[in-house]
Amino acid sequence: MTVPERIAAVLAPHLGEHSADAVARHLCAKFDVQPGIDNAKAGELREFLRRGLVAFVGAERATSLAAECIGAVRTARV
């Protein structure tokens, strides 16, 4: 599974399949996300995701989903 596919899989139950796919592809392009992402970039991506998800799932769930997405990035292949 690629990085965008893994992020989309985490987000799909909460945003819907098409929205999750669009968000994942956009974020990977915007942040130039690759497996083995460095800690600074991972932190920026996590915070960007968290802020964007708050309106959809609430603050607490947004924090955990953003962390799940970062974990998916760290274990995905290109």
Protein backbone atom coordinates (compact mmCIF):
# COMPACT_ATOMS: atom_id res chain seq x y z
CA MET A 1 0.00 0.00 0.00
CA THR A 2 1.35 3.46 -0.87
CA VAL A 3 1.52 6.41 1.51
CA PRO A 4 -1.62 8.13 0.13
CA GLU A 5 -3.51 4.83 0.17
CA ARG A 6 -2.61 4.23 3.84
CA ILE A 7 -3.63 7.73 4.90
CA ALA A 8 -6.87 7.41 2.93
CA ALA A 9 -7.59 4.07 4.59
CA VAL A 10 -7.26 5.67 8.04
CA LEU A 11 -9.49 8.63 7.12
CA ALA A 12 -12.13 6.89 4.95
CA PRO A 13 -14.41 5.72 7.78
CA HIS A 14 -14.64 9.32 9.00
CA LEU A 15 -14.61 11.37 5.77
CA GLY A 16 -15.88 8.95 3.16
CA GLU A 17 -13.76 7.14 0.59
CA HIS A 18 -13.52 9.88 -2.04
CA SER A 19 -12.85 12.74 0.38
CA ALA A 20 -10.24 10.69 2.23
CA ASP A 21 -8.49 9.85 -1.03
CA ALA A 22 -8.46 13.50 -2.12
CA VAL A 23 -7.15 14.68 1.25
CA ALA A 24 -4.43 12.01 1.33
CA ARG A 25 -3.19 12.77 -2.18
CA HIS A 26 -3.23 16.52 -1.57
CA LEU A 27 -1.32 16.26 1.71
CA CYS A 28 1.29 13.91 0.29
CA ALA A 29 1.94 16.34 -2.56
CA LYS A 30 1.87 19.45 -0.35
CA PHE A 31 4.25 18.02 2.26
CA ASP A 32 6.28 15.86 -0.16
CA VAL A 33 5.53 12.89 2.09
CA GLN A 34 7.61 9.75 1.71
CA PRO A 35 8.09 6.66 3.89
CA GLY A 36 10.69 7.37 6.54
CA ILE A 37 9.46 10.96 6.96
CA ASP A 38 11.65 13.00 9.30
CA ASN A 39 10.32 14.01 12.71
CA ALA A 40 9.99 17.72 11.90
CA LYS A 41 7.95 17.11 8.75
CA ALA A 42 5.89 14.44 10.53
CA GLY A 43 5.04 16.95 13.26
CA GLU A 44 3.97 19.58 10.71
CA LEU A 45 1.81 17.06 8.85
CA ARG A 46 0.25 15.74 12.07
CA GLU A 47 -0.69 19.26 13.21
CA PHE A 48 -2.06 20.22 9.77
CA LEU A 49 -4.18 17.06 9.69
CA ARG A 50 -5.37 17.53 13.26
CA ARG A 51 -6.56 21.07 12.64
CA GLY A 52 -8.38 20.05 9.47
CA LEU A 53 -10.10 17.07 11.07
CA VAL A 54 -11.43 18.88 14.16
CA ALA A 55 -14.53 20.14 12.33
CA PHE A 56 -15.40 16.63 11.17
CA VAL A 57 -14.62 14.42 14.16
CA GLY A 58 -13.97 16.69 17.16
CA ALA A 59 -10.69 17.65 18.80
CA GLU A 60 -9.94 14.43 20.66
CA ARG A 61 -10.60 12.10 17.72
CA ALA A 62 -8.76 14.46 15.35
CA THR A 63 -5.63 14.13 17.47
CA SER A 64 -5.74 10.34 17.41
CA LEU A 65 -6.54 10.13 13.68
CA ALA A 66 -3.66 12.47 12.82
CA ALA A 67 -1.32 10.27 14.86
CA GLU A 68 -2.63 7.16 13.07
CA CYS A 69 -1.95 8.80 9.72
CA ILE A 70 1.64 9.58 10.71
CA GLY A 71 2.08 5.96 11.79
CA ALA A 72 0.72 4.87 8.42
CA VAL A 73 3.23 7.12 6.65
CA ARG A 74 6.13 5.70 8.64
CA THR A 75 5.23 2.10 7.72
CA ALA A 76 4.11 2.57 4.09
CA ARG A 77 6.07 2.00 0.92
CA VAL A 78 6.39 4.49 -1.91
